[in-house]
Amino acid sequence: MTKQQEIVVFFTGGTIGMSPAEGVTGVAPNDNFHELLNQFKPQEANVTLRPVLWSDKPSPHMTPDDMFRLALDVEKTLVEPSVAGAVILHGTDTLAETAYMCDMVIASDKPVILTGSMRYYSESGYDGIRNLANTVRACLLPLPPGIGACILMTDRIFAAREAVKVNSLNVDAFESREAGVVGYVAGESVVLARRYSTPTPRRGLHPEAIEERVPLLTAYTGMDRSLIDHCRSLGSKGIVIEGFGAGNVPPTIATALEECLSDNIPVVLATRCIEGGVWPIYGYPGGGADLESKGVILCGRLGGPKARIRLICALGMTSDMRKIRQIFSEA
């Protein structure tokens, strides 16, 4: 007799479980998780689902602490021998950040795949059931070694490190920054992509705690130092700033960033661009090369939100600037 495989389905909330609610304009959480599961019947033999109603939050309500606790709870479940993998149902607005937190915190090599929906429960063309079905199937795949947590949306699988939401309304809302998709759905099957460019094997951080006092700022033309000074006055333990292009900021804030570094507040530089990442090319005041020479940490191809998640985890492990720099060099 074939051994039964178990997939644990963590429901955190999001559009996949929302519907019009009495007394609310628009859609909102409406206790639809169990109805969603009742509509879904796994096509594969020898698979059972274990539902976990972890929360019912819109994804903008998820905090870094929520993401961290979720990752720890998933990891505890994956230790069980009967569990083949975990599915996380989540809102799409912050899906990529939660996926990246799971990618860093969860040590297990068992599949962890996140999904959601762009259309709400009961809406015409609802994509939640299909995404759930495909995610369960994907959990039964032998995914590429070291791939870590993944996102499955619109019949495509993305590595958590690469996935980014690029459209606020379209069902086809997610893309990979540069590495391509890990796999895709073909009919009733999920297959791996032959041309997937495997990223550097992940090195999990596995922090025992996190430091949430890390603001994310976006550079804008003519920006002065007031926001950075305000963050310091509030006791920020680190700062992530999204610069222009390959990682460049107005010269008017360069001195303020240096002062943060002097106070042992790590500053991580990302880019507002979706692709390309940050590189130490420009040596003028505020240029990426200039900032790096003064101690700013360049985060490579991580976007600002994921760079912030990484810094939150790093600061939960150490305040040593050299160690934090090493952690980002391994991103």
C-alpha atoms as a PDB file:
ATOM      1  CA  MET A   1       0.000   0.000   0.000  1.00  0.00           C
ATOM      2  CA  THR A   2       1.363   3.418  -1.010  1.00  0.00           C
ATOM      3  CA  LYS A   3       2.175   5.679   1.878  1.00  0.00           C
ATOM      4  CA  GLN A   4      -0.171   8.640   2.264  1.00  0.00           C
ATOM      5  CA  GLN A   5       1.492  12.048   1.755  1.00  0.00           C
ATOM      6  CA  GLU A   6       0.313  15.055   3.715  1.00  0.00           C
ATOM      7  CA  ILE A   7       0.414  18.675   2.611  1.00  0.00           C
ATOM      8  CA  VAL A   8      -0.162  21.264   5.331  1.00  0.00           C
ATOM      9  CA  VAL A   9      -2.129  24.282   4.114  1.00  0.00           C
ATOM     10  CA  PHE A  10      -1.563  27.437   6.154  1.00  0.00           C
ATOM     11  CA  PHE A  11      -4.214  30.087   5.606  1.00  0.00           C
ATOM     12  CA  THR A  12      -3.084  33.595   6.533  1.00  0.00           C
ATOM     13  CA  GLY A  13      -5.758  35.594   4.723  1.00  0.00           C
ATOM     14  CA  GLY A  14      -5.754  37.766   1.632  1.00  0.00           C
ATOM     15  CA  THR A  15      -7.968  38.176  -1.415  1.00  0.00           C
ATOM     16  CA  ILE A  16      -8.113  34.400  -1.879  1.00  0.00           C
ATOM     17  CA  GLY A  17     -10.436  34.267   1.144  1.00  0.00           C
ATOM     18  CA  MET A  18     -12.230  37.600   0.779  1.00  0.00           C
ATOM     19  CA  SER A  19     -15.750  38.337  -0.429  1.00  0.00           C
ATOM     20  CA  PRO A  20     -18.327  41.116  -0.108  1.00  0.00           C
ATOM     21  CA  ALA A  21     -19.205  41.490   3.555  1.00  0.00           C
ATOM     22  CA  GLU A  22     -22.234  43.026   5.211  1.00  0.00           C
ATOM     23  CA  GLY A  23     -21.671  46.626   6.258  1.00  0.00           C
ATOM     24  CA  VAL A  24     -18.391  46.901   4.323  1.00  0.00           C
ATOM     25  CA  THR A  25     -17.752  48.817   1.129  1.00  0.00           C
ATOM     26  CA  GLY A  26     -15.765  46.544  -1.167  1.00  0.00           C
ATOM     27  CA  VAL A  27     -14.497  43.101  -0.172  1.00  0.00           C
ATOM     28  CA  ALA A  28     -12.990  42.028   3.137  1.00  0.00           C
ATOM     29  CA  PRO A  29     -12.071  38.906   5.127  1.00  0.00           C
ATOM     30  CA  ASN A  30     -15.261  36.863   5.447  1.00  0.00           C
ATOM     31  CA  ASP A  31     -14.391  33.460   6.973  1.00  0.00           C
ATOM     32  CA  ASN A  32     -14.188  31.627   3.638  1.00  0.00           C
ATOM     33  CA  PHE A  33     -11.186  29.355   4.276  1.00  0.00           C
ATOM     34  CA  HIS A  34     -13.049  26.123   4.985  1.00  0.00           C
ATOM     35  CA  GLU A  35     -15.486  26.721   2.121  1.00  0.00           C
ATOM     36  CA  LEU A  36     -12.491  27.206  -0.150  1.00  0.00           C
ATOM     37  CA  LEU A  37     -11.000  23.877   0.954  1.00  0.00           C
ATOM     38  CA  ASN A  38     -14.349  22.127   0.603  1.00  0.00           C
ATOM     39  CA  GLN A  39     -14.482  23.198  -3.050  1.00  0.00           C
ATOM     40  CA  PHE A  40     -11.007  21.824  -3.658  1.00  0.00           C
ATOM     41  CA  LYS A  41     -10.524  18.098  -4.094  1.00  0.00           C
ATOM     42  CA  PRO A  42      -6.957  16.977  -4.768  1.00  0.00           C
ATOM     43  CA  GLN A  43      -6.620  15.227  -8.113  1.00  0.00           C
ATOM     44  CA  GLU A  44      -3.543  13.289  -7.026  1.00  0.00           C
ATOM     45  CA  ALA A  45      -3.923   9.967  -5.243  1.00  0.00           C
ATOM     46  CA  ASN A  46      -2.434   9.423  -1.821  1.00  0.00           C
ATOM     47  CA  VAL A  47      -2.493  13.090  -0.800  1.00  0.00           C
ATOM     48  CA  THR A  48      -4.313  14.556   2.165  1.00  0.00           C
ATOM     49  CA  LEU A  49      -4.532  18.184   3.195  1.00  0.00           C
ATOM     50  CA  ARG A  50      -4.114  19.385   6.768  1.00  0.00           C
ATOM     51  CA  PRO A  51      -5.712  22.822   7.108  1.00  0.00           C
ATOM     52  CA  VAL A  52      -4.228  25.367   9.506  1.00  0.00           C
ATOM     53  CA  LEU A  53      -6.227  28.562  10.010  1.00  0.00           C
ATOM     54  CA  TRP A  54      -3.211  30.630  11.007  1.00  0.00           C
ATOM     55  CA  SER A  55      -4.855  34.045  10.576  1.00  0.00           C
ATOM     56  CA  ASP A  56      -7.301  35.860   8.314  1.00  0.00           C
ATOM     57  CA  LYS A  57      -5.465  39.101   7.592  1.00  0.00           C
ATOM     58  CA  PRO A  58      -5.240  41.284   4.514  1.00  0.00           C
ATOM     59  CA  SER A  59      -1.587  41.099   3.534  1.00  0.00           C
ATOM     60  CA  PRO A  60      -0.939  44.824   4.216  1.00  0.00           C
ATOM     61  CA  HIS A  61      -1.765  43.964   7.844  1.00  0.00           C
ATOM     62  CA  MET A  62       1.033  41.384   8.015  1.00  0.00           C
ATOM     63  CA  THR A  63       4.018  42.580  10.044  1.00  0.00           C
ATOM     64  CA  PRO A  64       7.601  41.292   9.936  1.00  0.00           C
ATOM     65  CA  ASP A  65       6.895  39.606  13.268  1.00  0.00           C
ATOM     66  CA  ASP A  66       3.882  37.838  11.709  1.00  0.00           C
ATOM     67  CA  MET A  67       6.051  36.670   8.823  1.00  0.00           C
ATOM     68  CA  PHE A  68       8.761  35.443  11.181  1.00  0.00           C
ATOM     69  CA  ARG A  69       6.343  33.532  13.428  1.00  0.00           C
ATOM     70  CA  LEU A  70       4.655  31.999  10.385  1.00  0.00           C
ATOM     71  CA  ALA A  71       7.991  30.779   9.042  1.00  0.00           C
ATOM     72  CA  LEU A  72       8.835  29.206  12.419  1.00  0.00           C
ATOM     73  CA  ASP A  73       5.430  27.492  12.579  1.00  0.00           C
ATOM     74  CA  VAL A  74       5.843  26.120   9.064  1.00  0.00           C
ATOM     75  CA  GLU A  75       9.304  24.814   9.901  1.00  0.00           C
ATOM     76  CA  LYS A  76       7.996  22.999  12.990  1.00  0.00           C
ATOM     77  CA  THR A  77       5.381  21.281  10.835  1.00  0.00           C
ATOM     78  CA  LEU A  78       7.872  20.213   8.164  1.00  0.00           C
ATOM     79  CA  VAL A  79       9.847  18.246  10.748  1.00  0.00           C
ATOM     80  CA  GLU A  80       7.020  15.692  10.902  1.00  0.00           C
ATOM     81  CA  PRO A  81       7.887  12.628   8.758  1.00  0.00           C
ATOM     82  CA  SER A  82       4.369  12.372   7.276  1.00  0.00           C
ATOM     83  CA  VAL A  83       4.466  15.936   5.909  1.00  0.00           C
ATOM     84  CA  ALA A  84       5.649  16.226   2.305  1.00  0.00           C
ATOM     85  CA  GLY A  85       5.467  20.007   2.099  1.00  0.00           C
ATOM     86  CA  ALA A  86       3.633  23.181   3.029  1.00  0.00           C
ATOM     87  CA  VAL A  87       1.326  25.508   1.138  1.00  0.00           C
ATOM     88  CA  ILE A  88       0.794  29.051   2.408  1.00  0.00           C
ATOM     89  CA  LEU A  89      -2.286  30.975   1.249  1.00  0.00           C
ATOM     90  CA  HIS A  90      -1.530  34.672   1.537  1.00  0.00           C
ATOM     91  CA  GLY A  91      -2.510  38.074   0.199  1.00  0.00           C
ATOM     92  CA  THR A  92      -0.550  39.129  -2.873  1.00  0.00           C
ATOM     93  CA  ASP A  93       0.454  42.649  -1.796  1.00  0.00           C
ATOM     94  CA  THR A  94       3.172  41.401   0.575  1.00  0.00           C
ATOM     95  CA  LEU A  95       3.375  37.822  -0.691  1.00  0.00           C
ATOM     96  CA  ALA A  96       6.940  38.221  -1.957  1.00  0.00           C
ATOM     97  CA  GLU A  97       8.162  39.532   1.410  1.00  0.00           C
ATOM     98  CA  THR A  98       6.634  36.698   3.412  1.00  0.00           C
ATOM     99  CA  ALA A  99       8.024  34.218   0.891  1.00  0.00           C
ATOM    100  CA  TYR A 100      11.491  35.700   1.302  1.00  0.00           C
ATOM    101  CA  MET A 101      11.213  35.537   5.102  1.00  0.00           C
ATOM    102  CA  CYS A 102      10.339  31.838   4.772  1.00  0.00           C
ATOM    103  CA  ASP A 103      13.245  31.385   2.382  1.00  0.00           C
ATOM    104  CA  MET A 104      15.701  32.668   4.982  1.00  0.00           C
ATOM    105  CA  VAL A 105      14.223  31.204   8.162  1.00  0.00           C
ATOM    106  CA  ILE A 106      13.093  27.706   7.161  1.00  0.00           C
ATOM    107  CA  ALA A 107      15.923  25.185   7.111  1.00  0.00           C
ATOM    108  CA  SER A 108      13.955  22.212   5.766  1.00  0.00           C
ATOM    109  CA  ASP A 109      14.460  21.182   2.138  1.00  0.00           C
ATOM    110  CA  LYS A 110      10.816  20.138   1.871  1.00  0.00           C
ATOM    111  CA  PRO A 111       8.748  22.297  -0.519  1.00  0.00           C
ATOM    112  CA  VAL A 112       7.303  25.531   0.838  1.00  0.00           C
ATOM    113  CA  ILE A 113       5.126  27.194  -1.786  1.00  0.00           C
ATOM    114  CA  LEU A 114       3.047  30.330  -1.340  1.00  0.00           C
ATOM    115  CA  THR A 115       0.080  31.372  -3.407  1.00  0.00           C
ATOM    116  CA  GLY A 116      -2.928  33.670  -3.344  1.00  0.00           C
ATOM    117  CA  SER A 117      -5.378  35.124  -5.814  1.00  0.00           C
ATOM    118  CA  MET A 118      -5.958  38.399  -7.591  1.00  0.00           C
ATOM    119  CA  ARG A 119      -9.735  37.921  -7.721  1.00  0.00           C
ATOM    120  CA  TYR A 120     -11.801  37.559  -4.592  1.00  0.00           C
ATOM    121  CA  TYR A 121     -13.733  34.503  -3.515  1.00  0.00           C
ATOM    122  CA  SER A 122     -17.068  34.310  -5.446  1.00  0.00           C
ATOM    123  CA  GLU A 123     -15.870  36.808  -8.087  1.00  0.00           C
ATOM    124  CA  SER A 124     -16.245  35.796 -11.738  1.00  0.00           C
ATOM    125  CA  GLY A 125     -13.016  34.192 -12.939  1.00  0.00           C
ATOM    126  CA  TYR A 126     -11.825  33.485  -9.372  1.00  0.00           C
ATOM    127  CA  ASP A 127      -8.260  32.180  -9.600  1.00  0.00           C
ATOM    128  CA  GLY A 128      -7.918  30.921  -6.024  1.00  0.00           C
ATOM    129  CA  ILE A 129      -9.023  27.309  -6.556  1.00  0.00           C
ATOM    130  CA  ARG A 130      -6.708  26.829  -9.538  1.00  0.00           C
ATOM    131  CA  ASN A 131      -3.743  28.372  -7.714  1.00  0.00           C
ATOM    132  CA  LEU A 132      -4.361  26.169  -4.678  1.00  0.00           C
ATOM    133  CA  ALA A 133      -4.636  23.018  -6.808  1.00  0.00           C
ATOM    134  CA  ASN A 134      -1.458  23.797  -8.725  1.00  0.00           C
ATOM    135  CA  THR A 135       0.435  24.636  -5.542  1.00  0.00           C
ATOM    136  CA  VAL A 136      -0.465  21.305  -3.959  1.00  0.00           C
ATOM    137  CA  ARG A 137       0.719  19.536  -7.126  1.00  0.00           C
ATOM    138  CA  ALA A 138       3.947  21.541  -7.111  1.00  0.00           C
ATOM    139  CA  CYS A 139       4.634  20.424  -3.529  1.00  0.00           C
ATOM    140  CA  LEU A 140       4.921  16.869  -4.845  1.00  0.00           C
ATOM    141  CA  LEU A 141       7.656  17.818  -7.313  1.00  0.00           C
ATOM    142  CA  PRO A 142      11.347  17.333  -6.741  1.00  0.00           C
ATOM    143  CA  LEU A 143      12.168  21.042  -6.962  1.00  0.00           C
ATOM    144  CA  PRO A 144      15.722  22.153  -7.883  1.00  0.00           C
ATOM    145  CA  PRO A 145      18.167  21.626  -4.983  1.00  0.00           C
ATOM    146  CA  GLY A 146      18.590  24.698  -2.813  1.00  0.00           C
ATOM    147  CA  ILE A 147      15.698  26.547  -4.449  1.00  0.00           C
ATOM    148  CA  GLY A 148      14.122  27.453  -1.095  1.00  0.00           C
ATOM    149  CA  ALA A 149      10.624  28.874  -0.744  1.00  0.00           C
ATOM    150  CA  CYS A 150       8.686  29.538  -3.942  1.00  0.00           C
ATOM    151  CA  ILE A 151       5.630  31.419  -5.141  1.00  0.00           C
ATOM    152  CA  LEU A 152       3.113  29.928  -7.569  1.00  0.00           C
ATOM    153  CA  MET A 153       0.811  32.351  -9.328  1.00  0.00           C
ATOM    154  CA  THR A 154      -0.871  32.212 -12.727  1.00  0.00           C
ATOM    155  CA  ASP A 155       0.488  28.774 -13.624  1.00  0.00           C
ATOM    156  CA  ARG A 156       4.122  29.746 -12.961  1.00  0.00           C
ATOM    157  CA  ILE A 157       6.531  28.987 -10.119  1.00  0.00           C
ATOM    158  CA  PHE A 158       8.976  31.681  -9.006  1.00  0.00           C
ATOM    159  CA  ALA A 159      11.837  31.477  -6.522  1.00  0.00           C
ATOM    160  CA  ALA A 160      11.062  33.664  -3.509  1.00  0.00           C
ATOM    161  CA  ARG A 161      14.279  35.618  -4.008  1.00  0.00           C
ATOM    162  CA  GLU A 162      13.305  36.526  -7.575  1.00  0.00           C
ATOM    163  CA  ALA A 163       9.535  37.065  -7.412  1.00  0.00           C
ATOM    164  CA  VAL A 164       8.107  40.566  -7.577  1.00  0.00           C
ATOM    165  CA  LYS A 165       4.546  41.823  -7.949  1.00  0.00           C
ATOM    166  CA  VAL A 166       4.464  43.996 -11.063  1.00  0.00           C
ATOM    167  CA  ASN A 167       0.744  44.604 -11.586  1.00  0.00           C
ATOM    168  CA  SER A 168      -1.732  45.729  -8.951  1.00  0.00           C
ATOM    169  CA  LEU A 169      -4.867  44.425 -10.707  1.00  0.00           C
ATOM    170  CA  ASN A 170      -4.083  41.934 -13.483  1.00  0.00           C
ATOM    171  CA  VAL A 171      -4.406  38.219 -12.705  1.00  0.00           C
ATOM    172  CA  ASP A 172      -0.932  37.795 -14.229  1.00  0.00           C
ATOM    173  CA  ALA A 173       0.588  39.966 -11.518  1.00  0.00           C
ATOM    174  CA  PHE A 174       3.970  38.385 -10.737  1.00  0.00           C
ATOM    175  CA  GLU A 175       7.268  38.150 -12.582  1.00  0.00           C
ATOM    176  CA  SER A 176      10.795  36.989 -11.865  1.00  0.00           C
ATOM    177  CA  ARG A 177      13.390  39.736 -11.674  1.00  0.00           C
ATOM    178  CA  GLU A 178      15.904  38.060 -13.978  1.00  0.00           C
ATOM    179  CA  ALA A 179      16.356  34.323 -13.357  1.00  0.00           C
ATOM    180  CA  GLY A 180      13.175  33.177 -15.090  1.00  0.00           C
ATOM    181  CA  VAL A 181      10.523  30.806 -13.782  1.00  0.00           C
ATOM    182  CA  VAL A 182      11.305  27.640 -11.852  1.00  0.00           C
ATOM    183  CA  GLY A 183       8.432  25.761 -13.462  1.00  0.00           C
ATOM    184  CA  TYR A 184       4.999  26.088 -14.990  1.00  0.00           C
ATOM    185  CA  VAL A 185       1.659  24.348 -15.248  1.00  0.00           C
ATOM    186  CA  ALA A 186       0.970  22.269 -18.344  1.00  0.00           C
ATOM    187  CA  GLY A 187      -2.590  20.978 -18.333  1.00  0.00           C
ATOM    188  CA  GLU A 188      -3.014  19.005 -15.123  1.00  0.00           C
ATOM    189  CA  SER A 189       0.726  18.689 -14.567  1.00  0.00           C
ATOM    190  CA  VAL A 190       3.402  20.943 -13.103  1.00  0.00           C
ATOM    191  CA  VAL A 191       6.783  20.734 -14.828  1.00  0.00           C
ATOM    192  CA  LEU A 192      10.157  22.318 -14.217  1.00  0.00           C
ATOM    193  CA  ALA A 193      11.500  24.841 -16.697  1.00  0.00           C
ATOM    194  CA  ARG A 194      14.526  23.579 -18.614  1.00  0.00           C
ATOM    195  CA  ARG A 195      16.056  27.018 -18.989  1.00  0.00           C
ATOM    196  CA  TYR A 196      15.699  28.154 -15.409  1.00  0.00           C
ATOM    197  CA  SER A 197      18.828  30.005 -14.316  1.00  0.00           C
ATOM    198  CA  THR A 198      19.441  28.630 -10.822  1.00  0.00           C
ATOM    199  CA  PRO A 199      20.422  31.433  -8.437  1.00  0.00           C
ATOM    200  CA  THR A 200      23.287  31.116  -5.991  1.00  0.00           C
ATOM    201  CA  PRO A 201      22.394  28.331  -3.537  1.00  0.00           C
ATOM    202  CA  ARG A 202      20.635  29.936  -0.616  1.00  0.00           C
ATOM    203  CA  ARG A 203      22.266  30.280   2.754  1.00  0.00           C
ATOM    204  CA  GLY A 204      19.537  30.430   5.367  1.00  0.00           C
ATOM    205  CA  LEU A 205      19.949  32.808   8.273  1.00  0.00           C
ATOM    206  CA  HIS A 206      17.731  31.045  10.837  1.00  0.00           C
ATOM    207  CA  PRO A 207      17.587  33.947  13.330  1.00  0.00           C
ATOM    208  CA  GLU A 208      16.137  33.334  16.782  1.00  0.00           C
ATOM    209  CA  ALA A 209      14.703  36.859  16.808  1.00  0.00           C
ATOM    210  CA  ILE A 210      14.253  39.808  14.446  1.00  0.00           C
ATOM    211  CA  GLU A 211      14.709  43.582  14.721  1.00  0.00           C
ATOM    212  CA  GLU A 212      11.725  45.384  13.193  1.00  0.00           C
ATOM    213  CA  ARG A 213      12.967  48.960  13.632  1.00  0.00           C
ATOM    214  CA  VAL A 214      14.232  49.179  10.057  1.00  0.00           C
ATOM    215  CA  PRO A 215      12.562  51.779   7.819  1.00  0.00           C
ATOM    216  CA  LEU A 216      12.534  51.558   4.030  1.00  0.00           C
ATOM    217  CA  LEU A 217      12.994  54.925   2.295  1.00  0.00           C
ATOM    218  CA  THR A 218      12.751  55.721  -1.400  1.00  0.00           C
ATOM    219  CA  ALA A 219      15.052  58.379  -2.797  1.00  0.00           C
ATOM    220  CA  TYR A 220      13.441  61.209  -4.716  1.00  0.00           C
ATOM    221  CA  THR A 221      14.848  64.149  -6.619  1.00  0.00           C
ATOM    222  CA  GLY A 222      15.871  66.998  -4.336  1.00  0.00           C
ATOM    223  CA  MET A 223      15.553  64.809  -1.240  1.00  0.00           C
ATOM    224  CA  ASP A 224      17.006  66.376   1.908  1.00  0.00           C
ATOM    225  CA  ARG A 225      18.257  64.675   5.045  1.00  0.00           C
ATOM    226  CA  SER A 226      15.185  65.278   7.207  1.00  0.00           C
ATOM    227  CA  LEU A 227      13.654  61.799   6.814  1.00  0.00           C
ATOM    228  CA  ILE A 228      16.944  60.095   7.616  1.00  0.00           C
ATOM    229  CA  ASP A 229      17.485  62.308  10.659  1.00  0.00           C
ATOM    230  CA  HIS A 230      13.930  61.555  11.770  1.00  0.00           C
ATOM    231  CA  CYS A 231      14.541  57.815  11.509  1.00  0.00           C
ATOM    232  CA  ARG A 232      17.653  58.155  13.658  1.00  0.00           C
ATOM    233  CA  SER A 233      15.750  60.185  16.260  1.00  0.00           C
ATOM    234  CA  LEU A 234      13.133  57.432  16.497  1.00  0.00           C
ATOM    235  CA  GLY A 235      15.775  54.822  17.284  1.00  0.00           C
ATOM    236  CA  SER A 236      15.982  53.010  13.961  1.00  0.00           C
ATOM    237  CA  LYS A 237      18.464  50.142  14.109  1.00  0.00           C
ATOM    238  CA  GLY A 238      19.059  50.044  10.376  1.00  0.00           C
ATOM    239  CA  ILE A 239      17.969  51.839   7.205  1.00  0.00           C
ATOM    240  CA  VAL A 240      17.266  50.568   3.708  1.00  0.00           C
ATOM    241  CA  ILE A 241      17.116  53.159   0.962  1.00  0.00           C
ATOM    242  CA  GLU A 242      16.034  52.630  -2.631  1.00  0.00           C
ATOM    243  CA  GLY A 243      18.225  54.772  -4.835  1.00  0.00           C
ATOM    244  CA  PHE A 244      18.077  55.678  -8.493  1.00  0.00           C
ATOM    245  CA  GLY A 245      19.475  53.484 -11.266  1.00  0.00           C
ATOM    246  CA  ALA A 246      22.344  51.238 -10.213  1.00  0.00           C
ATOM    247  CA  GLY A 247      22.190  52.648  -6.670  1.00  0.00           C
ATOM    248  CA  ASN A 248      22.687  56.398  -6.529  1.00  0.00           C
ATOM    249  CA  VAL A 249      21.137  59.030  -4.267  1.00  0.00           C
ATOM    250  CA  PRO A 250      21.032  62.837  -4.109  1.00  0.00           C
ATOM    251  CA  PRO A 251      24.218  64.319  -2.608  1.00  0.00           C
ATOM    252  CA  THR A 252      22.080  66.121  -0.025  1.00  0.00           C
ATOM    253  CA  ILE A 253      21.513  62.862   1.893  1.00  0.00           C
ATOM    254  CA  ALA A 254      24.954  61.277   1.545  1.00  0.00           C
ATOM    255  CA  THR A 255      26.294  62.960   4.694  1.00  0.00           C
ATOM    256  CA  ALA A 256      23.258  61.870   6.710  1.00  0.00           C
ATOM    257  CA  LEU A 257      23.841  58.262   5.653  1.00  0.00           C
ATOM    258  CA  GLU A 258      27.491  58.514   6.694  1.00  0.00           C
ATOM    259  CA  GLU A 259      26.417  59.761  10.111  1.00  0.00           C
ATOM    260  CA  CYS A 260      24.151  56.720  10.495  1.00  0.00           C
ATOM    261  CA  LEU A 261      27.121  54.483   9.801  1.00  0.00           C
ATOM    262  CA  SER A 262      29.177  56.394  12.369  1.00  0.00           C
ATOM    263  CA  ASP A 263      26.460  55.572  14.924  1.00  0.00           C
ATOM    264  CA  ASN A 264      26.708  51.862  13.984  1.00  0.00           C
ATOM    265  CA  ILE A 265      23.372  51.977  12.130  1.00  0.00           C
ATOM    266  CA  PRO A 266      23.785  49.842   9.002  1.00  0.00           C
ATOM    267  CA  VAL A 267      22.605  51.420   5.762  1.00  0.00           C
ATOM    268  CA  VAL A 268      21.623  49.115   2.898  1.00  0.00           C
ATOM    269  CA  LEU A 269      21.318  50.476  -0.627  1.00  0.00           C
ATOM    270  CA  ALA A 270      18.792  49.029  -3.109  1.00  0.00           C
ATOM    271  CA  THR A 271      17.420  50.396  -6.366  1.00  0.00           C
ATOM    272  CA  ARG A 272      14.019  51.612  -7.471  1.00  0.00           C
ATOM    273  CA  CYS A 273      14.504  49.637 -10.709  1.00  0.00           C
ATOM    274  CA  ILE A 274      12.917  46.197 -11.050  1.00  0.00           C
ATOM    275  CA  GLU A 275      15.935  44.655 -12.780  1.00  0.00           C
ATOM    276  CA  GLY A 276      19.686  45.152 -12.786  1.00  0.00           C
ATOM    277  CA  GLY A 277      20.363  45.586  -9.084  1.00  0.00           C
ATOM    278  CA  VAL A 278      22.876  47.921  -7.442  1.00  0.00           C
ATOM    279  CA  TRP A 279      26.507  48.213  -8.497  1.00  0.00           C
ATOM    280  CA  PRO A 280      29.423  50.425  -7.405  1.00  0.00           C
ATOM    281  CA  ILE A 281      29.784  52.286 -10.691  1.00  0.00           C
ATOM    282  CA  TYR A 282      29.537  56.000  -9.914  1.00  0.00           C
ATOM    283  CA  GLY A 283      32.084  57.789  -7.737  1.00  0.00           C
ATOM    284  CA  TYR A 284      30.426  61.193  -7.518  1.00  0.00           C
ATOM    285  CA  PRO A 285      28.907  62.268  -4.154  1.00  0.00           C
ATOM    286  CA  GLY A 286      25.910  60.013  -3.578  1.00  0.00           C
ATOM    287  CA  GLY A 287      26.951  57.556  -6.311  1.00  0.00           C
ATOM    288  CA  GLY A 288      26.966  53.832  -5.573  1.00  0.00           C
ATOM    289  CA  ALA A 289      30.770  53.519  -5.582  1.00  0.00           C
ATOM    290  CA  ASP A 290      31.085  56.598  -3.359  1.00  0.00           C
ATOM    291  CA  LEU A 291      28.534  55.252  -0.872  1.00  0.00           C
ATOM    292  CA  GLU A 292      30.110  51.794  -0.771  1.00  0.00           C
ATOM    293  CA  SER A 293      33.531  53.313  -0.053  1.00  0.00           C
ATOM    294  CA  LYS A 294      32.008  55.001   2.999  1.00  0.00           C
ATOM    295  CA  GLY A 295      30.481  51.806   4.374  1.00  0.00           C
ATOM    296  CA  VAL A 296      27.019  51.585   2.801  1.00  0.00           C
ATOM    297  CA  ILE A 297      26.040  47.973   2.043  1.00  0.00           C
ATOM    298  CA  LEU A 298      25.002  47.294  -1.540  1.00  0.00           C
ATOM    299  CA  CYS A 299      22.313  44.603  -1.667  1.00  0.00           C
ATOM    300  CA  GLY A 300      22.913  43.267  -5.180  1.00  0.00           C
ATOM    301  CA  ARG A 301      19.744  42.255  -6.997  1.00  0.00           C
ATOM    302  CA  LEU A 302      17.470  42.236  -3.944  1.00  0.00           C
ATOM    303  CA  GLY A 303      14.710  44.820  -4.137  1.00  0.00           C
ATOM    304  CA  GLY A 304      14.139  47.251  -1.287  1.00  0.00           C
ATOM    305  CA  PRO A 305      11.366  45.299   0.523  1.00  0.00           C
ATOM    306  CA  LYS A 306      13.390  42.064   0.530  1.00  0.00           C
ATOM    307  CA  ALA A 307      16.585  43.885   1.499  1.00  0.00           C
ATOM    308  CA  ARG A 308      14.649  45.203   4.491  1.00  0.00           C
ATOM    309  CA  ILE A 309      13.490  41.691   5.433  1.00  0.00           C
ATOM    310  CA  ARG A 310      17.079  40.462   5.201  1.00  0.00           C
ATOM    311  CA  LEU A 311      18.357  43.318   7.374  1.00  0.00           C
ATOM    312  CA  ILE A 312      15.585  42.706   9.924  1.00  0.00           C
ATOM    313  CA  CYS A 313      16.765  39.107  10.213  1.00  0.00           C
ATOM    314  CA  ALA A 314      20.458  40.016  10.220  1.00  0.00           C
ATOM    315  CA  LEU A 315      19.993  42.514  13.051  1.00  0.00           C
ATOM    316  CA  GLY A 316      18.191  39.827  15.026  1.00  0.00           C
ATOM    317  CA  MET A 317      21.449  37.872  14.906  1.00  0.00           C
ATOM    318  CA  THR A 318      24.174  40.500  15.269  1.00  0.00           C
ATOM    319  CA  SER A 319      24.955  44.219  15.457  1.00  0.00           C
ATOM    320  CA  ASP A 320      28.451  43.676  14.058  1.00  0.00           C
ATOM    321  CA  MET A 321      28.654  45.673  10.816  1.00  0.00           C
ATOM    322  CA  ARG A 322      31.182  43.270   9.290  1.00  0.00           C
ATOM    323  CA  LYS A 323      28.944  40.282   9.906  1.00  0.00           C
ATOM    324  CA  ILE A 324      25.927  42.112   8.489  1.00  0.00           C
ATOM    325  CA  ARG A 325      27.947  42.996   5.395  1.00  0.00           C
ATOM    326  CA  GLN A 326      28.872  39.305   5.032  1.00  0.00           C
ATOM    327  CA  ILE A 327      25.227  38.298   5.342  1.00  0.00           C
ATOM    328  CA  PHE A 328      24.361  40.568   2.406  1.00  0.00           C
ATOM    329  CA  SER A 329      27.267  39.318   0.350  1.00  0.00           C
ATOM    330  CA  GLU A 330      25.630  35.875   0.529  1.00  0.00           C
ATOM    331  CA  ALA A 331      22.154  37.086  -0.481  1.00  0.00           C
END
